[in-house]
Amino acid sequence: MPLENGQIEDATRIEKTIGTLKKLLDNQNQIFLISHVGRPSGRDPKFSFELILPKLEELLGEKVVLKEDFDQSVEGKVVLFENLRFWPEEEANDLEFAQKLARFGEVYVNECFSVAHRNHASVALLPTLLPAYAGLELGREVKELHRILENPARPLVAIIGGAKLETKLPAITNLARVADKVLVGGKLMFELGETKLPENVLVATDSIDQKDIGPESVELFKKEIDKAKTIVWNGPLGLFEEKEHSLGTKKVAELVASSTAYSLVGGGDTIAALKEIGMLEKVDFVSVGGGAMLEFLEGKKLPALQALGYYD
């Protein structure tokens, strides 16, 4: 989730876990929480979970103990392990590291769809060492995304924004196979260059300062959104953090919100953008996944779901 200057900018990803955590607490379980934030190289106070504790305690209504090492003694009903990315073994998908984590629990619950595409120790290995289950929200995520792939109401319109062409291009081409139209904006519109795209992909045609889609593109997108029965959206359409470049995202969000189509949005920046302009509650389903959502829609097998036996 976005952390800026020691503050949580958007707590949606924590909020989405609370239902599962409260259910576990109601059933008298001790909870040992593992997660990560950012991309620290070693221990970095900018990414310490000390910054997250107050918000987690507020949402959970429980005291949370922060644990910073693998010492086996654990006190407290809810224990939060320090940012797992402080240990390089996490991203290296190290078995010994997963075994150390496994010693603290008897049952594994994955309530973090946003990292389902990561081949990391806590995601892909740990659930193979304990009886493992999907959390309530993770189950909903998979069900809603599966419905987009299998039996969407048509026309299905996908909106893809943001940047990172190398990760978004496979999603654009794969979504073009299942969607009736794919609308592309954000920084991607400039990164595409001469890339050959399927005929049903519509790229924004004008911009404001090359930082937002322009009014011509909004009108172009409006025609497709008005016809849609299902809308999937990942990635803001401009540099929404700057007020003068947030209009494209805002206008498209208003179109999606006022549409009678079933709408699903995902990705940290998309969620933050829609929250910022007060539109998040107007969509039907909010996916906490960005990369995970796109890879699922690409038809890739996600390591987390594989470890839980979803594809068996």
Foldseek 3Di string as FASTA:
>chain_A
DDDDPLADLDCVLLLQCQVQVVVCVVVVAQEEAAAADDQDAADDPSGWCVSVQVVNCVSNVAHEAEAEDLPQDDDDSHYYYIHPNNDVQFQVLNQVVLVSVLSNDAEEEDAHLQCLQRSTNNQQPNLLVHPYYYGPSRVVLLVVLVCQQPPFDPQEEEEEEDDDCVLCVLLQQLVVVRHQAYEYAYLVLVVCPPPDHDPRYHYQDAADVSFAGDPVSLVVVLVVLQRGQEYEYAYARGPCVDVVRLVRSLSVLVSNLPHNHQYEYEDPVNCSSCVVNVRNVSHNYYDPHHSSSSCVSSVHNGSNCVSNVVVD
